[in-house]
């Protein structure tokens, strides 16, 4: 059992980052999408995501060293900027291989 846990932790550590998938399930295109950590050392940016479309990217966490959260920020068609903290990482190491974010008309999940 300990070998399995060590292997999982080692894979995330060697990867030194996390994949992000963002689904725009809202009725409008969103723009100026930024995904980062609470340390704000590296960012993943997307110009826009059309309605009912998805994008993927990889956030490098090689410089992250402390506990923190992920942050998504984007602009809706009406100009409203939305942001939300999502997930958690420990000592700069992601606990997940992929962060999936779903954006709807009234929420970020």
PDB file of N, CA and C in Angstrom:
ATOM      1  N   UNK A   1       0.822  -1.196   0.000  1.00  0.00           N
ATOM      2  CA  UNK A   1       0.000   0.000   0.000  1.00  0.00           C
ATOM      3  C   UNK A   1       0.868   1.262   0.000  1.00  0.00           C
ATOM      4  N   UNK A   2       1.933   1.293   0.798  1.00  0.00           N
ATOM      5  CA  UNK A   2       2.771   2.490   0.863  1.00  0.00           C
ATOM      6  C   UNK A   2       3.480   2.742  -0.470  1.00  0.00           C
ATOM      7  N   UNK A   3       3.790   1.688  -1.223  1.00  0.00           N
ATOM      8  CA  UNK A   3       4.419   1.852  -2.530  1.00  0.00           C
ATOM      9  C   UNK A   3       3.468   2.562  -3.489  1.00  0.00           C
ATOM     10  N   UNK A   4       2.196   2.240  -3.434  1.00  0.00           N
ATOM     11  CA  UNK A   4       1.204   2.874  -4.302  1.00  0.00           C
ATOM     12  C   UNK A   4       1.096   4.357  -3.974  1.00  0.00           C
ATOM     13  N   UNK A   5       1.021   4.698  -2.718  1.00  0.00           N
ATOM     14  CA  UNK A   5       0.916   6.093  -2.299  1.00  0.00           C
ATOM     15  C   UNK A   5       2.164   6.863  -2.716  1.00  0.00           C
ATOM     16  N   UNK A   6       3.322   6.281  -2.513  1.00  0.00           N
ATOM     17  CA  UNK A   6       4.574   6.918  -2.895  1.00  0.00           C
ATOM     18  C   UNK A   6       4.616   7.164  -4.399  1.00  0.00           C
ATOM     19  N   UNK A   7       4.147   6.206  -5.159  1.00  0.00           N
ATOM     20  CA  UNK A   7       4.123   6.349  -6.613  1.00  0.00           C
ATOM     21  C   UNK A   7       3.214   7.492  -7.035  1.00  0.00           C
ATOM     22  N   UNK A   8       2.031   7.592  -6.452  1.00  0.00           N
ATOM     23  CA  UNK A   8       1.105   8.670  -6.796  1.00  0.00           C
ATOM     24  C   UNK A   8       1.675  10.033  -6.444  1.00  0.00           C
ATOM     25  N   UNK A   9       2.268  10.157  -5.285  1.00  0.00           N
ATOM     26  CA  UNK A   9       2.871  11.419  -4.870  1.00  0.00           C
ATOM     27  C   UNK A   9       4.048  11.749  -5.782  1.00  0.00           C
ATOM     28  N   UNK A  10       4.848  10.767  -6.109  1.00  0.00           N
ATOM     29  CA  UNK A  10       6.010  10.989  -6.970  1.00  0.00           C
ATOM     30  C   UNK A  10       5.596  11.458  -8.355  1.00  0.00           C
ATOM     31  N   UNK A  11       4.517  10.906  -8.910  1.00  0.00           N
ATOM     32  CA  UNK A  11       4.056  11.313 -10.238  1.00  0.00           C
ATOM     33  C   UNK A  11       3.678  12.786 -10.248  1.00  0.00           C
ATOM     34  N   UNK A  12       2.938  13.231  -9.255  1.00  0.00           N
ATOM     35  CA  UNK A  12       2.571  14.640  -9.187  1.00  0.00           C
ATOM     36  C   UNK A  12       3.805  15.507  -8.972  1.00  0.00           C
ATOM     37  N   UNK A  13       4.729  15.055  -8.164  1.00  0.00           N
ATOM     38  CA  UNK A  13       5.924  15.842  -7.887  1.00  0.00           C
ATOM     39  C   UNK A  13       6.779  15.978  -9.152  1.00  0.00           C
ATOM     40  N   UNK A  14       6.952  14.887  -9.884  1.00  0.00           N
ATOM     41  CA  UNK A  14       7.756  14.929 -11.102  1.00  0.00           C
ATOM     42  C   UNK A  14       7.078  15.779 -12.180  1.00  0.00           C
ATOM     43  N   UNK A  15       5.759  15.722 -12.220  1.00  0.00           N
ATOM     44  CA  UNK A  15       4.995  16.511 -13.172  1.00  0.00           C
ATOM     45  C   UNK A  15       5.129  18.002 -12.869  1.00  0.00           C
ATOM     46  N   UNK A  16       5.248  18.336 -11.608  1.00  0.00           N
ATOM     47  CA  UNK A  16       5.432  19.702 -11.110  1.00  0.00           C
ATOM     48  C   UNK A  16       4.413  20.677 -11.676  1.00  0.00           C
ATOM     49  N   UNK A  17       3.171  20.243 -11.666  1.00  0.00           N
ATOM     50  CA  UNK A  17       2.101  21.108 -12.118  1.00  0.00           C
ATOM     51  C   UNK A  17       0.791  20.364 -12.173  1.00  0.00           C
ATOM     52  N   UNK A  18      -0.207  21.044 -12.706  1.00  0.00           N
ATOM     53  CA  UNK A  18      -1.536  20.465 -12.777  1.00  0.00           C
ATOM     54  C   UNK A  18      -2.186  20.861 -14.104  1.00  0.00           C
ATOM     55  N   UNK A  19      -2.908  19.926 -14.683  1.00  0.00           N
ATOM     56  CA  UNK A  19      -3.667  20.212 -15.892  1.00  0.00           C
ATOM     57  C   UNK A  19      -4.987  20.858 -15.485  1.00  0.00           C
ATOM     58  N   UNK A  20      -5.462  21.813 -16.267  1.00  0.00           N
ATOM     59  CA  UNK A  20      -6.746  22.448 -16.013  1.00  0.00           C
ATOM     60  C   UNK A  20      -7.626  22.296 -17.243  1.00  0.00           C
ATOM     61  N   UNK A  21      -8.883  21.935 -17.003  1.00  0.00           N
ATOM     62  CA  UNK A  21      -9.883  21.858 -18.074  1.00  0.00           C
ATOM     63  C   UNK A  21     -11.023  22.780 -17.675  1.00  0.00           C
ATOM     64  N   UNK A  22     -11.372  23.708 -18.552  1.00  0.00           N
ATOM     65  CA  UNK A  22     -12.436  24.671 -18.272  1.00  0.00           C
ATOM     66  C   UNK A  22     -13.540  24.485 -19.301  1.00  0.00           C
ATOM     67  N   UNK A  23     -14.750  24.198 -18.820  1.00  0.00           N
ATOM     68  CA  UNK A  23     -15.927  24.046 -19.672  1.00  0.00           C
ATOM     69  C   UNK A  23     -16.794  25.289 -19.538  1.00  0.00           C
ATOM     70  N   UNK A  24     -17.115  25.910 -20.652  1.00  0.00           N
ATOM     71  CA  UNK A  24     -18.032  27.045 -20.636  1.00  0.00           C
ATOM     72  C   UNK A  24     -19.428  26.533 -20.974  1.00  0.00           C
ATOM     73  N   UNK A  25     -20.225  26.269 -19.936  1.00  0.00           N
ATOM     74  CA  UNK A  25     -21.595  25.790 -20.109  1.00  0.00           C
ATOM     75  C   UNK A  25     -22.599  26.934 -19.992  1.00  0.00           C
ATOM     76  N   UNK A  26     -22.121  28.168 -20.095  1.00  0.00           N
ATOM     77  CA  UNK A  26     -23.017  29.327 -20.028  1.00  0.00           C
ATOM     78  C   UNK A  26     -23.569  29.623 -21.423  1.00  0.00           C
ATOM     79  N   UNK A  27     -24.455  30.595 -21.494  1.00  0.00           N
ATOM     80  CA  UNK A  27     -25.084  30.953 -22.760  1.00  0.00           C
ATOM     81  C   UNK A  27     -24.272  31.954 -23.582  1.00  0.00           C
ATOM     82  N   UNK A  28     -23.121  32.397 -23.042  1.00  0.00           N
ATOM     83  CA  UNK A  28     -22.333  33.418 -23.723  1.00  0.00           C
ATOM     84  C   UNK A  28     -20.842  33.094 -23.680  1.00  0.00           C
ATOM     85  N   UNK A  29     -20.104  33.631 -24.626  1.00  0.00           N
ATOM     86  CA  UNK A  29     -18.657  33.496 -24.644  1.00  0.00           C
ATOM     87  C   UNK A  29     -18.073  34.235 -23.438  1.00  0.00           C
ATOM     88  N   UNK A  30     -17.079  33.648 -22.819  1.00  0.00           N
ATOM     89  CA  UNK A  30     -16.349  34.323 -21.748  1.00  0.00           C
ATOM     90  C   UNK A  30     -14.955  34.668 -22.267  1.00  0.00           C
ATOM     91  N   UNK A  31     -14.347  35.718 -21.705  1.00  0.00           N
ATOM     92  CA  UNK A  31     -13.060  36.191 -22.206  1.00  0.00           C
ATOM     93  C   UNK A  31     -12.077  36.417 -21.064  1.00  0.00           C
ATOM     94  N   UNK A  32     -10.836  36.646 -21.452  1.00  0.00           N
ATOM     95  CA  UNK A  32      -9.759  37.003 -20.508  1.00  0.00           C
ATOM     96  C   UNK A  32      -9.669  36.029 -19.337  1.00  0.00           C
ATOM     97  N   UNK A  33      -9.613  34.743 -19.646  1.00  0.00           N
ATOM     98  CA  UNK A  33      -9.581  33.700 -18.624  1.00  0.00           C
ATOM     99  C   UNK A  33      -8.158  33.530 -18.113  1.00  0.00           C
ATOM    100  N   UNK A  34      -8.020  33.533 -16.782  1.00  0.00           N
ATOM    101  CA  UNK A  34      -6.725  33.344 -16.136  1.00  0.00           C
ATOM    102  C   UNK A  34      -6.890  32.267 -15.067  1.00  0.00           C
ATOM    103  N   UNK A  35      -5.987  31.283 -15.059  1.00  0.00           N
ATOM    104  CA  UNK A  35      -5.945  30.242 -14.032  1.00  0.00           C
ATOM    105  C   UNK A  35      -4.566  30.295 -13.394  1.00  0.00           C
ATOM    106  N   UNK A  36      -4.512  30.364 -12.061  1.00  0.00           N
ATOM    107  CA  UNK A  36      -3.244  30.472 -11.352  1.00  0.00           C
ATOM    108  C   UNK A  36      -3.389  29.863  -9.958  1.00  0.00           C
ATOM    109  N   UNK A  37      -2.365  30.039  -9.150  1.00  0.00           N
ATOM    110  CA  UNK A  37      -2.433  29.628  -7.748  1.00  0.00           C
ATOM    111  C   UNK A  37      -2.488  30.871  -6.867  1.00  0.00           C
ATOM    112  N   UNK A  38      -2.773  30.665  -5.600  1.00  0.00           N
ATOM    113  CA  UNK A  38      -2.811  31.789  -4.656  1.00  0.00           C
ATOM    114  C   UNK A  38      -1.436  32.447  -4.516  1.00  0.00           C
ATOM    115  N   UNK A  39      -0.374  31.730  -4.871  1.00  0.00           N
ATOM    116  CA  UNK A  39       0.970  32.317  -4.861  1.00  0.00           C
ATOM    117  C   UNK A  39       1.212  33.186  -6.098  1.00  0.00           C
ATOM    118  N   UNK A  40       0.409  32.985  -7.138  1.00  0.00           N
ATOM    119  CA  UNK A  40       0.464  33.772  -8.369  1.00  0.00           C
ATOM    120  C   UNK A  40       1.864  33.800  -8.999  1.00  0.00           C
ATOM    121  N   UNK A  41       2.498  32.640  -9.078  1.00  0.00           N
ATOM    122  CA  UNK A  41       3.847  32.553  -9.635  1.00  0.00           C
ATOM    123  C   UNK A  41       3.846  32.263 -11.137  1.00  0.00           C
ATOM    124  N   UNK A  42       2.911  31.468 -11.595  1.00  0.00           N
ATOM    125  CA  UNK A  42       2.744  31.138 -13.014  1.00  0.00           C
ATOM    126  C   UNK A  42       1.259  31.251 -13.329  1.00  0.00           C
ATOM    127  N   UNK A  43       0.927  31.478 -14.600  1.00  0.00           N
ATOM    128  CA  UNK A  43      -0.468  31.556 -14.994  1.00  0.00           C
ATOM    129  C   UNK A  43      -0.710  30.804 -16.294  1.00  0.00           C
ATOM    130  N   UNK A  44      -1.959  30.392 -16.482  1.00  0.00           N
ATOM    131  CA  UNK A  44      -2.427  29.855 -17.752  1.00  0.00           C
ATOM    132  C   UNK A  44      -3.511  30.826 -18.220  1.00  0.00           C
ATOM    133  N   UNK A  45      -3.385  31.296 -19.451  1.00  0.00           N
ATOM    134  CA  UNK A  45      -4.343  32.273 -19.970  1.00  0.00           C
ATOM    135  C   UNK A  45      -5.014  31.751 -21.239  1.00  0.00           C
ATOM    136  N   UNK A  46      -6.291  32.087 -21.372  1.00  0.00           N
ATOM    137  CA  UNK A  46      -7.040  31.810 -22.591  1.00  0.00           C
ATOM    138  C   UNK A  46      -7.740  33.101 -22.986  1.00  0.00           C
ATOM    139  N   UNK A  47      -7.693  33.441 -24.275  1.00  0.00           N
ATOM    140  CA  UNK A  47      -8.327  34.670 -24.738  1.00  0.00           C
ATOM    141  C   UNK A  47      -9.845  34.596 -24.585  1.00  0.00           C
ATOM    142  N   UNK A  48     -10.438  33.465 -25.002  1.00  0.00           N
ATOM    143  CA  UNK A  48     -11.891  33.314 -24.888  1.00  0.00           C
ATOM    144  C   UNK A  48     -12.266  31.839 -24.946  1.00  0.00           C
ATOM    145  N   UNK A  49     -13.475  31.562 -24.445  1.00  0.00           N
ATOM    146  CA  UNK A  49     -14.055  30.218 -24.559  1.00  0.00           C
ATOM    147  C   UNK A  49     -15.498  30.416 -25.009  1.00  0.00           C
ATOM    148  N   UNK A  50     -15.806  29.901 -26.193  1.00  0.00           N
ATOM    149  CA  UNK A  50     -17.165  30.006 -26.711  1.00  0.00           C
ATOM    150  C   UNK A  50     -18.121  29.142 -25.888  1.00  0.00           C
ATOM    151  N   UNK A  51     -19.394  29.446 -26.045  1.00  0.00           N
ATOM    152  CA  UNK A  51     -20.425  28.703 -25.334  1.00  0.00           C
ATOM    153  C   UNK A  51     -20.358  27.225 -25.705  1.00  0.00           C
ATOM    154  N   UNK A  52     -20.530  26.363 -24.719  1.00  0.00           N
ATOM    155  CA  UNK A  52     -20.505  24.901 -24.874  1.00  0.00           C
ATOM    156  C   UNK A  52     -19.192  24.378 -25.449  1.00  0.00           C
ATOM    157  N   UNK A  53     -18.095  25.082 -25.177  1.00  0.00           N
ATOM    158  CA  UNK A  53     -16.761  24.645 -25.588  1.00  0.00           C
ATOM    159  C   UNK A  53     -15.881  24.486 -24.356  1.00  0.00           C
ATOM    160  N   UNK A  54     -14.768  23.782 -24.528  1.00  0.00           N
ATOM    161  CA  UNK A  54     -13.813  23.533 -23.447  1.00  0.00           C
ATOM    162  C   UNK A  54     -12.407  23.888 -23.906  1.00  0.00           C
ATOM    163  N   UNK A  55     -11.562  24.196 -22.946  1.00  0.00           N
ATOM    164  CA  UNK A  55     -10.137  24.399 -23.211  1.00  0.00           C
ATOM    165  C   UNK A  55      -9.347  23.655 -22.150  1.00  0.00           C
ATOM    166  N   UNK A  56      -8.112  23.312 -22.490  1.00  0.00           N
ATOM    167  CA  UNK A  56      -7.209  22.655 -21.544  1.00  0.00           C
ATOM    168  C   UNK A  56      -5.868  23.372 -21.552  1.00  0.00           C
ATOM    169  N   UNK A  57      -5.210  23.337 -20.409  1.00  0.00           N
ATOM    170  CA  UNK A  57      -3.874  23.905 -20.305  1.00  0.00           C
ATOM    171  C   UNK A  57      -3.133  23.248 -19.156  1.00  0.00           C
ATOM    172  N   UNK A  58      -1.863  23.569 -19.028  1.00  0.00           N
ATOM    173  CA  UNK A  58      -1.038  23.019 -17.956  1.00  0.00           C
ATOM    174  C   UNK A  58      -0.439  24.168 -17.164  1.00  0.00           C
ATOM    175  N   UNK A  59      -0.657  24.148 -15.848  1.00  0.00           N
ATOM    176  CA  UNK A  59      -0.108  25.162 -14.951  1.00  0.00           C
ATOM    177  C   UNK A  59       1.151  24.609 -14.295  1.00  0.00           C
ATOM    178  N   UNK A  60       2.292  25.183 -14.615  1.00  0.00           N
ATOM    179  CA  UNK A  60       3.547  24.792 -13.983  1.00  0.00           C
ATOM    180  C   UNK A  60       3.538  25.240 -12.527  1.00  0.00           C
ATOM    181  N   UNK A  61       3.966  24.355 -11.638  1.00  0.00           N
ATOM    182  CA  UNK A  61       4.037  24.679 -10.213  1.00  0.00           C
ATOM    183  C   UNK A  61       5.453  24.440  -9.689  1.00  0.00           C
ATOM    184  N   UNK A  62       6.441  24.551 -10.561  1.00  0.00           N
ATOM    185  CA  UNK A  62       7.832  24.312 -10.177  1.00  0.00           C
ATOM    186  C   UNK A  62       8.318  25.278  -9.108  1.00  0.00           C
ATOM    187  N   UNK A  63       7.784  26.497  -9.089  1.00  0.00           N
ATOM    188  CA  UNK A  63       8.220  27.514  -8.128  1.00  0.00           C
ATOM    189  C   UNK A  63       7.383  27.527  -6.850  1.00  0.00           C
ATOM    190  N   UNK A  64       6.233  26.843  -6.847  1.00  0.00           N
ATOM    191  CA  UNK A  64       5.362  26.840  -5.674  1.00  0.00           C
ATOM    192  C   UNK A  64       5.988  26.023  -4.549  1.00  0.00           C
ATOM    193  N   UNK A  65       5.930  26.549  -3.327  1.00  0.00           N
ATOM    194  CA  UNK A  65       6.574  25.884  -2.194  1.00  0.00           C
ATOM    195  C   UNK A  65       5.677  25.727  -0.964  1.00  0.00           C
ATOM    196  N   UNK A  66       4.550  26.444  -0.908  1.00  0.00           N
ATOM    197  CA  UNK A  66       3.716  26.427   0.296  1.00  0.00           C
ATOM    198  C   UNK A  66       2.327  25.886  -0.034  1.00  0.00           C
ATOM    199  N   UNK A  67       1.468  25.776   0.976  1.00  0.00           N
ATOM    200  CA  UNK A  67       0.080  25.381   0.780  1.00  0.00           C
ATOM    201  C   UNK A  67      -0.675  26.516   0.114  1.00  0.00           C
ATOM    202  N   UNK A  68      -1.660  26.173  -0.703  1.00  0.00           N
ATOM    203  CA  UNK A  68      -2.439  27.222  -1.348  1.00  0.00           C
ATOM    204  C   UNK A  68      -3.642  26.682  -2.082  1.00  0.00           C
ATOM    205  N   UNK A  69      -4.306  27.578  -2.810  1.00  0.00           N
ATOM    206  CA  UNK A  69      -5.484  27.235  -3.593  1.00  0.00           C
ATOM    207  C   UNK A  69      -5.255  27.660  -5.041  1.00  0.00           C
ATOM    208  N   UNK A  70      -6.118  27.179  -5.916  1.00  0.00           N
ATOM    209  CA  UNK A  70      -6.121  27.603  -7.307  1.00  0.00           C
ATOM    210  C   UNK A  70      -7.131  28.735  -7.455  1.00  0.00           C
ATOM    211  N   UNK A  71      -6.939  29.579  -8.449  1.00  0.00           N
ATOM    212  CA  UNK A  71      -7.827  30.705  -8.681  1.00  0.00           C
ATOM    213  C   UNK A  71      -8.151  30.806 -10.164  1.00  0.00           C
ATOM    214  N   UNK A  72      -9.439  30.926 -10.463  1.00  0.00           N
ATOM    215  CA  UNK A  72      -9.856  31.212 -11.841  1.00  0.00           C
ATOM    216  C   UNK A  72     -10.498  32.592 -11.866  1.00  0.00           C
ATOM    217  N   UNK A  73     -10.202  33.321 -12.931  1.00  0.00           N
ATOM    218  CA  UNK A  73     -10.747  34.667 -13.106  1.00  0.00           C
ATOM    219  C   UNK A  73     -11.074  34.838 -14.583  1.00  0.00           C
ATOM    220  N   UNK A  74     -12.225  35.444 -14.885  1.00  0.00           N
ATOM    221  CA  UNK A  74     -12.632  35.656 -16.273  1.00  0.00           C
ATOM    222  C   UNK A  74     -13.640  36.795 -16.352  1.00  0.00           C
ATOM    223  N   UNK A  75     -13.940  37.226 -17.585  1.00  0.00           N
ATOM    224  CA  UNK A  75     -14.892  38.303 -17.821  1.00  0.00           C
ATOM    225  C   UNK A  75     -16.087  37.755 -18.592  1.00  0.00           C
ATOM    226  N   UNK A  76     -17.279  38.070 -18.090  1.00  0.00           N
ATOM    227  CA  UNK A  76     -18.515  37.698 -18.791  1.00  0.00           C
ATOM    228  C   UNK A  76     -18.805  38.739 -19.874  1.00  0.00           C
ATOM    229  N   UNK A  77     -19.727  38.417 -20.785  1.00  0.00           N
ATOM    230  CA  UNK A  77     -20.039  39.293 -21.914  1.00  0.00           C
ATOM    231  C   UNK A  77     -20.484  40.684 -21.467  1.00  0.00           C
ATOM    232  N   UNK A  78     -21.160  40.763 -20.301  1.00  0.00           N
ATOM    233  CA  UNK A  78     -21.646  42.054 -19.807  1.00  0.00           C
ATOM    234  C   UNK A  78     -20.543  42.878 -19.138  1.00  0.00           C
ATOM    235  N   UNK A  79     -19.295  42.372 -19.152  1.00  0.00           N
ATOM    236  CA  UNK A  79     -18.163  43.086 -18.570  1.00  0.00           C
ATOM    237  C   UNK A  79     -17.883  42.738 -17.118  1.00  0.00           C
ATOM    238  N   UNK A  80     -18.747  41.940 -16.507  1.00  0.00           N
ATOM    239  CA  UNK A  80     -18.557  41.556 -15.110  1.00  0.00           C
ATOM    240  C   UNK A  80     -17.378  40.586 -14.989  1.00  0.00           C
ATOM    241  N   UNK A  81     -16.434  40.934 -14.100  1.00  0.00           N
ATOM    242  CA  UNK A  81     -15.286  40.074 -13.840  1.00  0.00           C
ATOM    243  C   UNK A  81     -15.647  39.142 -12.682  1.00  0.00           C
ATOM    244  N   UNK A  82     -15.458  37.860 -12.904  1.00  0.00           N
ATOM    245  CA  UNK A  82     -15.759  36.862 -11.881  1.00  0.00           C
ATOM    246  C   UNK A  82     -14.481  36.134 -11.511  1.00  0.00           C
ATOM    247  N   UNK A  83     -14.381  35.736 -10.249  1.00  0.00           N
ATOM    248  CA  UNK A  83     -13.239  34.929  -9.809  1.00  0.00           C
ATOM    249  C   UNK A  83     -13.685  33.999  -8.694  1.00  0.00           C
ATOM    250  N   UNK A  84     -12.956  32.897  -8.562  1.00  0.00           N
ATOM    251  CA  UNK A  84     -13.269  31.927  -7.522  1.00  0.00           C
ATOM    252  C   UNK A  84     -12.022  31.117  -7.190  1.00  0.00           C
ATOM    253  N   UNK A  85     -11.833  30.869  -5.899  1.00  0.00           N
ATOM    254  CA  UNK A  85     -10.786  29.941  -5.468  1.00  0.00           C
ATOM    255  C   UNK A  85     -11.332  28.531  -5.575  1.00  0.00           C
ATOM    256  N   UNK A  86     -10.498  27.637  -6.108  1.00  0.00           N
ATOM    257  CA  UNK A  86     -10.918  26.254  -6.346  1.00  0.00           C
ATOM    258  C   UNK A  86      -9.795  25.314  -5.936  1.00  0.00           C
ATOM    259  N   UNK A  87     -10.130  24.249  -5.228  1.00  0.00           N
ATOM    260  CA  UNK A  87      -9.146  23.225  -4.915  1.00  0.00           C
ATOM    261  C   UNK A  87      -8.074  23.666  -3.937  1.00  0.00           C
ATOM    262  N   UNK A  88      -7.086  22.794  -3.750  1.00  0.00           N
ATOM    263  CA  UNK A  88      -6.054  22.994  -2.744  1.00  0.00           C
ATOM    264  C   UNK A  88      -4.809  22.224  -3.159  1.00  0.00           C
ATOM    265  N   UNK A  89      -3.642  22.769  -2.845  1.00  0.00           N
ATOM    266  CA  UNK A  89      -2.385  22.041  -3.017  1.00  0.00           C
ATOM    267  C   UNK A  89      -1.565  22.186  -1.741  1.00  0.00           C
ATOM    268  N   UNK A  90      -0.646  21.264  -1.513  1.00  0.00           N
ATOM    269  CA  UNK A  90       0.112  21.218  -0.265  1.00  0.00           C
ATOM    270  C   UNK A  90       1.611  21.261  -0.543  1.00  0.00           C
ATOM    271  N   UNK A  91       2.302  22.177   0.114  1.00  0.00           N
ATOM    272  CA  UNK A  91       3.754  22.327  -0.048  1.00  0.00           C
ATOM    273  C   UNK A  91       4.152  22.475  -1.517  1.00  0.00           C
ATOM    274  N   UNK A  92       3.298  23.145  -2.285  1.00  0.00           N
ATOM    275  CA  UNK A  92       3.581  23.369  -3.696  1.00  0.00           C
ATOM    276  C   UNK A  92       3.304  22.181  -4.587  1.00  0.00           C
ATOM    277  N   UNK A  93       2.748  21.105  -4.035  1.00  0.00           N
ATOM    278  CA  UNK A  93       2.487  19.891  -4.806  1.00  0.00           C
ATOM    279  C   UNK A  93       0.979  19.711  -4.983  1.00  0.00           C
ATOM    280  N   UNK A  94       0.508  19.574  -6.234  1.00  0.00           N
ATOM    281  CA  UNK A  94      -0.933  19.389  -6.456  1.00  0.00           C
ATOM    282  C   UNK A  94      -1.413  18.051  -5.900  1.00  0.00           C
ATOM    283  N   UNK A  95      -2.634  18.059  -5.390  1.00  0.00           N
ATOM    284  CA  UNK A  95      -3.246  16.838  -4.874  1.00  0.00           C
ATOM    285  C   UNK A  95      -4.018  16.104  -5.967  1.00  0.00           C
ATOM    286  N   UNK A  96      -4.281  16.786  -7.083  1.00  0.00           N
ATOM    287  CA  UNK A  96      -4.991  16.207  -8.215  1.00  0.00           C
ATOM    288  C   UNK A  96      -4.112  16.300  -9.459  1.00  0.00           C
ATOM    289  N   UNK A  97      -4.393  15.445 -10.427  1.00  0.00           N
ATOM    290  CA  UNK A  97      -3.681  15.533 -11.702  1.00  0.00           C
ATOM    291  C   UNK A  97      -4.347  16.539 -12.627  1.00  0.00           C
ATOM    292  N   UNK A  98      -5.667  16.703 -12.458  1.00  0.00           N
ATOM    293  CA  UNK A  98      -6.422  17.617 -13.310  1.00  0.00           C
ATOM    294  C   UNK A  98      -7.458  18.351 -12.468  1.00  0.00           C
ATOM    295  N   UNK A  99      -7.604  19.627 -12.741  1.00  0.00           N
ATOM    296  CA  UNK A  99      -8.640  20.452 -12.126  1.00  0.00           C
ATOM    297  C   UNK A  99      -9.675  20.714 -13.217  1.00  0.00           C
ATOM    298  N   UNK A 100     -10.920  20.318 -12.984  1.00  0.00           N
ATOM    299  CA  UNK A 100     -11.990  20.540 -13.945  1.00  0.00           C
ATOM    300  C   UNK A 100     -12.908  21.631 -13.414  1.00  0.00           C
ATOM    301  N   UNK A 101     -13.125  22.646 -14.227  1.00  0.00           N
ATOM    302  CA  UNK A 101     -13.950  23.787 -13.840  1.00  0.00           C
ATOM    303  C   UNK A 101     -15.096  23.915 -14.831  1.00  0.00           C
ATOM    304  N   UNK A 102     -16.303  24.047 -14.297  1.00  0.00           N
ATOM    305  CA  UNK A 102     -17.482  24.216 -15.132  1.00  0.00           C
ATOM    306  C   UNK A 102     -18.103  25.569 -14.847  1.00  0.00           C
ATOM    307  N   UNK A 103     -18.229  26.374 -15.889  1.00  0.00           N
ATOM    308  CA  UNK A 103     -18.799  27.714 -15.768  1.00  0.00           C
ATOM    309  C   UNK A 103     -20.210  27.686 -16.358  1.00  0.00           C
ATOM    310  N   UNK A 104     -21.182  28.120 -15.557  1.00  0.00           N
ATOM    311  CA  UNK A 104     -22.563  28.230 -16.002  1.00  0.00           C
ATOM    312  C   UNK A 104     -22.972  29.692 -15.975  1.00  0.00           C
ATOM    313  N   UNK A 105     -24.230  29.965 -16.283  1.00  0.00           N
ATOM    314  CA  UNK A 105     -24.702  31.355 -16.280  1.00  0.00           C
ATOM    315  C   UNK A 105     -24.579  32.012 -14.911  1.00  0.00           C
ATOM    316  N   UNK A 106     -24.696  31.232 -13.854  1.00  0.00           N
ATOM    317  CA  UNK A 106     -24.715  31.822 -12.518  1.00  0.00           C
ATOM    318  C   UNK A 106     -23.771  31.183 -11.511  1.00  0.00           C
ATOM    319  N   UNK A 107     -22.861  30.332 -11.975  1.00  0.00           N
ATOM    320  CA  UNK A 107     -21.955  29.705 -11.014  1.00  0.00           C
ATOM    321  C   UNK A 107     -20.650  29.249 -11.653  1.00  0.00           C
ATOM    322  N   UNK A 108     -19.702  28.948 -10.776  1.00  0.00           N
ATOM    323  CA  UNK A 108     -18.414  28.373 -11.159  1.00  0.00           C
ATOM    324  C   UNK A 108     -18.239  27.157 -10.267  1.00  0.00           C
ATOM    325  N   UNK A 109     -18.134  25.982 -10.864  1.00  0.00           N
ATOM    326  CA  UNK A 109     -18.032  24.747 -10.085  1.00  0.00           C
ATOM    327  C   UNK A 109     -16.745  24.017 -10.401  1.00  0.00           C
TER     328      UNK A 109
END
